[in-house]
């Protein structure tokens, strides 16, 4: 009898931690001194497949330092859901990586999580001489912290990865 009762016991359903849908990434760069604000924008409102994403990547000014801030949005919601708020609130479980190749820019983290590890919502980006190359932005969920500053060492799961082809002029 006991076997029958335990076999029929109702289990609580396991609800997976669903990934947030990110349709839009905006990396806003404000120059220190004179110059134009630059917004790098990735927008893919129909998700993977379908239409290609719309990518806006205006040029950066040579020999300039910019204050950077990144925003992750789900624009399929009305109003748009700001995923950045969750990334910040769960900073211990996230890190944003900025990978340049062969672009000659230097990107430094300005913000940290509660354990003083880099987060990456706020950055400082410095350009040198005129150059071209790629800037890849990767949002990782549950990376190893501390890490060596690379997504390869950090591991975790990629929430979104976008690449901008940039020109510094």
C-alpha atoms as a PDB file:
ATOM      1  CA  UNK A   1       0.000   0.000   0.000  1.00  0.00           C
ATOM      2  CA  UNK A   2       2.767   2.444   0.902  1.00  0.00           C
ATOM      3  CA  UNK A   3       4.319   1.969  -2.508  1.00  0.00           C
ATOM      4  CA  UNK A   4       1.058   2.837  -4.213  1.00  0.00           C
ATOM      5  CA  UNK A   5       0.606   6.033  -2.209  1.00  0.00           C
ATOM      6  CA  UNK A   6       4.153   7.259  -2.756  1.00  0.00           C
ATOM      7  CA  UNK A   7       3.954   6.507  -6.476  1.00  0.00           C
ATOM      8  CA  UNK A   8       0.835   8.623  -6.750  1.00  0.00           C
ATOM      9  CA  UNK A   9       2.221  11.519  -4.748  1.00  0.00           C
ATOM     10  CA  UNK A  10       1.845  14.742  -6.663  1.00  0.00           C
ATOM     11  CA  UNK A  11       5.196  16.465  -7.402  1.00  0.00           C
ATOM     12  CA  UNK A  12       5.550  20.240  -7.483  1.00  0.00           C
ATOM     13  CA  UNK A  13       6.338  21.282 -11.044  1.00  0.00           C
ATOM     14  CA  UNK A  14       9.868  22.500 -11.701  1.00  0.00           C
ATOM     15  CA  UNK A  15       9.734  25.899 -13.313  1.00  0.00           C
ATOM     16  CA  UNK A  16      12.916  26.636 -15.245  1.00  0.00           C
ATOM     17  CA  UNK A  17      14.610  30.007 -14.865  1.00  0.00           C
ATOM     18  CA  UNK A  18      13.564  31.369 -18.247  1.00  0.00           C
ATOM     19  CA  UNK A  19      16.000  33.574 -20.085  1.00  0.00           C
ATOM     20  CA  UNK A  20      14.846  37.113 -20.641  1.00  0.00           C
ATOM     21  CA  UNK A  21      14.137  38.018 -24.247  1.00  0.00           C
ATOM     22  CA  UNK A  22      16.502  40.794 -25.338  1.00  0.00           C
ATOM     23  CA  UNK A  23      15.562  42.425 -28.629  1.00  0.00           C
ATOM     24  CA  UNK A  24      17.615  45.597 -28.350  1.00  0.00           C
ATOM     25  CA  UNK A  25      21.078  46.594 -27.110  1.00  0.00           C
ATOM     26  CA  UNK A  26      22.049  50.273 -26.922  1.00  0.00           C
ATOM     27  CA  UNK A  27      25.621  51.241 -25.995  1.00  0.00           C
ATOM     28  CA  UNK A  28      25.610  55.005 -25.422  1.00  0.00           C
ATOM     29  CA  UNK A  29      28.978  56.783 -25.486  1.00  0.00           C
ATOM     30  CA  UNK A  30      29.187  60.377 -24.220  1.00  0.00           C
ATOM     31  CA  UNK A  31      32.461  62.170 -24.999  1.00  0.00           C
ATOM     32  CA  UNK A  32      34.428  63.837 -22.227  1.00  0.00           C
ATOM     33  CA  UNK A  33      34.960  67.270 -23.741  1.00  0.00           C
ATOM     34  CA  UNK A  34      33.644  68.347 -27.112  1.00  0.00           C
ATOM     35  CA  UNK A  35      32.205  65.869 -29.566  1.00  0.00           C
ATOM     36  CA  UNK A  36      29.032  64.067 -30.489  1.00  0.00           C
ATOM     37  CA  UNK A  37      27.241  61.447 -28.412  1.00  0.00           C
ATOM     38  CA  UNK A  38      27.484  58.076 -30.162  1.00  0.00           C
ATOM     39  CA  UNK A  39      24.859  55.348 -29.831  1.00  0.00           C
ATOM     40  CA  UNK A  40      25.671  51.865 -31.031  1.00  0.00           C
ATOM     41  CA  UNK A  41      22.370  50.045 -31.438  1.00  0.00           C
ATOM     42  CA  UNK A  42      21.384  46.458 -32.183  1.00  0.00           C
ATOM     43  CA  UNK A  43      17.682  45.747 -32.697  1.00  0.00           C
ATOM     44  CA  UNK A  44      16.139  42.406 -33.686  1.00  0.00           C
ATOM     45  CA  UNK A  45      12.410  42.576 -33.095  1.00  0.00           C
ATOM     46  CA  UNK A  46      11.631  39.193 -34.683  1.00  0.00           C
ATOM     47  CA  UNK A  47      14.330  37.248 -32.820  1.00  0.00           C
ATOM     48  CA  UNK A  48      16.637  34.639 -34.328  1.00  0.00           C
ATOM     49  CA  UNK A  49      15.862  33.878 -37.941  1.00  0.00           C
ATOM     50  CA  UNK A  50      13.437  35.933 -39.941  1.00  0.00           C
ATOM     51  CA  UNK A  51      14.680  39.404 -40.784  1.00  0.00           C
ATOM     52  CA  UNK A  52      18.274  40.368 -40.035  1.00  0.00           C
ATOM     53  CA  UNK A  53      18.843  42.718 -37.077  1.00  0.00           C
ATOM     54  CA  UNK A  54      19.141  46.451 -37.632  1.00  0.00           C
ATOM     55  CA  UNK A  55      22.584  47.591 -36.493  1.00  0.00           C
ATOM     56  CA  UNK A  56      23.556  51.238 -36.115  1.00  0.00           C
ATOM     57  CA  UNK A  57      27.245  51.938 -35.562  1.00  0.00           C
ATOM     58  CA  UNK A  58      28.280  55.550 -36.165  1.00  0.00           C
ATOM     59  CA  UNK A  59      32.012  56.358 -36.101  1.00  0.00           C
ATOM     60  CA  UNK A  60      33.924  57.238 -32.959  1.00  0.00           C
ATOM     61  CA  UNK A  61      36.266  60.200 -32.702  1.00  0.00           C
ATOM     62  CA  UNK A  62      39.995  59.438 -32.560  1.00  0.00           C
ATOM     63  CA  UNK A  63      41.918  60.262 -29.369  1.00  0.00           C
ATOM     64  CA  UNK A  64      38.735  60.646 -27.311  1.00  0.00           C
ATOM     65  CA  UNK A  65      37.513  59.258 -23.996  1.00  0.00           C
ATOM     66  CA  UNK A  66      33.833  58.383 -23.730  1.00  0.00           C
ATOM     67  CA  UNK A  67      31.655  57.542 -20.735  1.00  0.00           C
ATOM     68  CA  UNK A  68      29.700  54.450 -21.728  1.00  0.00           C
ATOM     69  CA  UNK A  69      26.415  53.034 -20.520  1.00  0.00           C
ATOM     70  CA  UNK A  70      24.608  50.015 -21.894  1.00  0.00           C
ATOM     71  CA  UNK A  71      20.924  49.214 -21.994  1.00  0.00           C
ATOM     72  CA  UNK A  72      19.232  45.873 -22.719  1.00  0.00           C
ATOM     73  CA  UNK A  73      15.570  45.991 -23.739  1.00  0.00           C
ATOM     74  CA  UNK A  74      12.718  43.688 -24.678  1.00  0.00           C
ATOM     75  CA  UNK A  75      10.810  45.892 -27.093  1.00  0.00           C
ATOM     76  CA  UNK A  76       8.188  43.224 -27.788  1.00  0.00           C
ATOM     77  CA  UNK A  77       6.596  44.261 -24.477  1.00  0.00           C
ATOM     78  CA  UNK A  78       4.432  47.391 -24.318  1.00  0.00           C
ATOM     79  CA  UNK A  79       5.916  49.426 -22.762  1.00  0.00           C
ATOM     80  CA  UNK A  80       9.404  48.088 -23.502  1.00  0.00           C
ATOM     81  CA  UNK A  81      10.878  46.052 -20.641  1.00  0.00           C
ATOM     82  CA  UNK A  82      14.248  47.323 -19.396  1.00  0.00           C
ATOM     83  CA  UNK A  83      16.283  44.148 -18.790  1.00  0.00           C
ATOM     84  CA  UNK A  84      19.208  46.303 -17.606  1.00  0.00           C
ATOM     85  CA  UNK A  85      17.431  46.777 -14.274  1.00  0.00           C
ATOM     86  CA  UNK A  86      17.447  43.002 -13.697  1.00  0.00           C
ATOM     87  CA  UNK A  87      21.107  42.732 -14.739  1.00  0.00           C
ATOM     88  CA  UNK A  88      21.994  45.435 -12.207  1.00  0.00           C
ATOM     89  CA  UNK A  89      19.812  43.985  -9.424  1.00  0.00           C
ATOM     90  CA  UNK A  90      21.324  40.538 -10.020  1.00  0.00           C
ATOM     91  CA  UNK A  91      24.858  41.834 -10.565  1.00  0.00           C
ATOM     92  CA  UNK A  92      26.460  38.888  -8.782  1.00  0.00           C
ATOM     93  CA  UNK A  93      24.944  36.648 -11.473  1.00  0.00           C
ATOM     94  CA  UNK A  94      25.869  38.749 -14.535  1.00  0.00           C
ATOM     95  CA  UNK A  95      28.823  40.315 -16.311  1.00  0.00           C
ATOM     96  CA  UNK A  96      29.057  42.226 -19.565  1.00  0.00           C
ATOM     97  CA  UNK A  97      32.156  41.625 -21.666  1.00  0.00           C
ATOM     98  CA  UNK A  98      33.550  44.005 -24.280  1.00  0.00           C
ATOM     99  CA  UNK A  99      35.818  42.250 -26.791  1.00  0.00           C
ATOM    100  CA  UNK A 100      37.710  44.328 -29.378  1.00  0.00           C
ATOM    101  CA  UNK A 101      39.415  42.850 -32.451  1.00  0.00           C
ATOM    102  CA  UNK A 102      41.572  44.353 -33.946  1.00  0.00           C
ATOM    103  CA  UNK A 103      40.016  47.668 -32.959  1.00  0.00           C
ATOM    104  CA  UNK A 104      42.444  49.894 -31.048  1.00  0.00           C
ATOM    105  CA  UNK A 105      40.264  51.050 -28.163  1.00  0.00           C
ATOM    106  CA  UNK A 106      40.572  50.574 -24.418  1.00  0.00           C
ATOM    107  CA  UNK A 107      37.439  49.757 -22.426  1.00  0.00           C
ATOM    108  CA  UNK A 108      37.489  49.857 -18.622  1.00  0.00           C
ATOM    109  CA  UNK A 109      34.731  48.842 -16.204  1.00  0.00           C
ATOM    110  CA  UNK A 110      33.408  51.686 -14.069  1.00  0.00           C
ATOM    111  CA  UNK A 111      30.883  49.712 -11.991  1.00  0.00           C
ATOM    112  CA  UNK A 112      31.085  46.601  -9.816  1.00  0.00           C
ATOM    113  CA  UNK A 113      28.764  44.008  -8.341  1.00  0.00           C
ATOM    114  CA  UNK A 114      28.276  43.650  -4.566  1.00  0.00           C
ATOM    115  CA  UNK A 115      31.508  41.597  -4.331  1.00  0.00           C
ATOM    116  CA  UNK A 116      33.493  44.332  -6.142  1.00  0.00           C
ATOM    117  CA  UNK A 117      33.830  42.303  -9.353  1.00  0.00           C
ATOM    118  CA  UNK A 118      33.328  44.079 -12.703  1.00  0.00           C
ATOM    119  CA  UNK A 119      29.729  44.340 -13.937  1.00  0.00           C
ATOM    120  CA  UNK A 120      29.946  46.402 -17.142  1.00  0.00           C
ATOM    121  CA  UNK A 121      26.776  48.503 -17.318  1.00  0.00           C
ATOM    122  CA  UNK A 122      29.009  51.591 -16.967  1.00  0.00           C
ATOM    123  CA  UNK A 123      32.337  51.843 -18.792  1.00  0.00           C
ATOM    124  CA  UNK A 124      35.044  54.203 -19.952  1.00  0.00           C
ATOM    125  CA  UNK A 125      36.059  53.819 -23.602  1.00  0.00           C
ATOM    126  CA  UNK A 126      39.207  55.512 -24.927  1.00  0.00           C
ATOM    127  CA  UNK A 127      40.148  55.650 -28.591  1.00  0.00           C
ATOM    128  CA  UNK A 128      43.576  56.172 -30.086  1.00  0.00           C
ATOM    129  CA  UNK A 129      44.486  56.812 -33.709  1.00  0.00           C
ATOM    130  CA  UNK A 130      42.114  56.130 -36.598  1.00  0.00           C
ATOM    131  CA  UNK A 131      41.346  52.411 -36.985  1.00  0.00           C
ATOM    132  CA  UNK A 132      38.583  49.951 -37.834  1.00  0.00           C
ATOM    133  CA  UNK A 133      37.547  46.668 -36.265  1.00  0.00           C
ATOM    134  CA  UNK A 134      34.912  44.826 -34.295  1.00  0.00           C
ATOM    135  CA  UNK A 135      33.458  45.438 -30.862  1.00  0.00           C
ATOM    136  CA  UNK A 136      31.589  42.432 -29.509  1.00  0.00           C
ATOM    137  CA  UNK A 137      29.374  42.892 -26.461  1.00  0.00           C
ATOM    138  CA  UNK A 138      28.451  39.754 -24.519  1.00  0.00           C
ATOM    139  CA  UNK A 139      26.050  39.563 -21.575  1.00  0.00           C
ATOM    140  CA  UNK A 140      26.820  36.452 -19.512  1.00  0.00           C
ATOM    141  CA  UNK A 141      24.570  34.892 -16.898  1.00  0.00           C
ATOM    142  CA  UNK A 142      26.250  33.124 -13.939  1.00  0.00           C
ATOM    143  CA  UNK A 143      29.868  33.659 -14.994  1.00  0.00           C
ATOM    144  CA  UNK A 144      32.729  32.596 -12.742  1.00  0.00           C
ATOM    145  CA  UNK A 145      33.775  35.576 -10.639  1.00  0.00           C
ATOM    146  CA  UNK A 146      36.455  36.704 -10.311  1.00  0.00           C
ATOM    147  CA  UNK A 147      37.722  35.871 -13.807  1.00  0.00           C
ATOM    148  CA  UNK A 148      40.522  37.091 -16.081  1.00  0.00           C
ATOM    149  CA  UNK A 149      38.233  39.523 -17.914  1.00  0.00           C
ATOM    150  CA  UNK A 150      37.514  37.227 -20.850  1.00  0.00           C
ATOM    151  CA  UNK A 151      34.259  35.425 -21.600  1.00  0.00           C
ATOM    152  CA  UNK A 152      36.235  32.216 -22.183  1.00  0.00           C
ATOM    153  CA  UNK A 153      37.535  32.178 -18.609  1.00  0.00           C
ATOM    154  CA  UNK A 154      34.234  33.356 -17.132  1.00  0.00           C
ATOM    155  CA  UNK A 155      32.055  30.644 -18.647  1.00  0.00           C
ATOM    156  CA  UNK A 156      28.376  30.937 -17.803  1.00  0.00           C
ATOM    157  CA  UNK A 157      25.553  31.227 -20.314  1.00  0.00           C
ATOM    158  CA  UNK A 158      25.344  33.892 -22.986  1.00  0.00           C
ATOM    159  CA  UNK A 159      22.134  35.927 -22.733  1.00  0.00           C
ATOM    160  CA  UNK A 160      23.016  37.970 -25.830  1.00  0.00           C
ATOM    161  CA  UNK A 161      26.067  38.573 -28.010  1.00  0.00           C
ATOM    162  CA  UNK A 162      26.231  41.350 -30.609  1.00  0.00           C
ATOM    163  CA  UNK A 163      29.064  42.589 -32.802  1.00  0.00           C
ATOM    164  CA  UNK A 164      29.464  46.134 -34.083  1.00  0.00           C
ATOM    165  CA  UNK A 165      31.848  46.965 -36.935  1.00  0.00           C
ATOM    166  CA  UNK A 166      33.379  50.257 -35.811  1.00  0.00           C
ATOM    167  CA  UNK A 167      35.414  52.997 -37.339  1.00  0.00           C
ATOM    168  CA  UNK A 168      37.522  55.418 -35.304  1.00  0.00           C
ATOM    169  CA  UNK A 169      38.249  58.528 -37.365  1.00  0.00           C
END
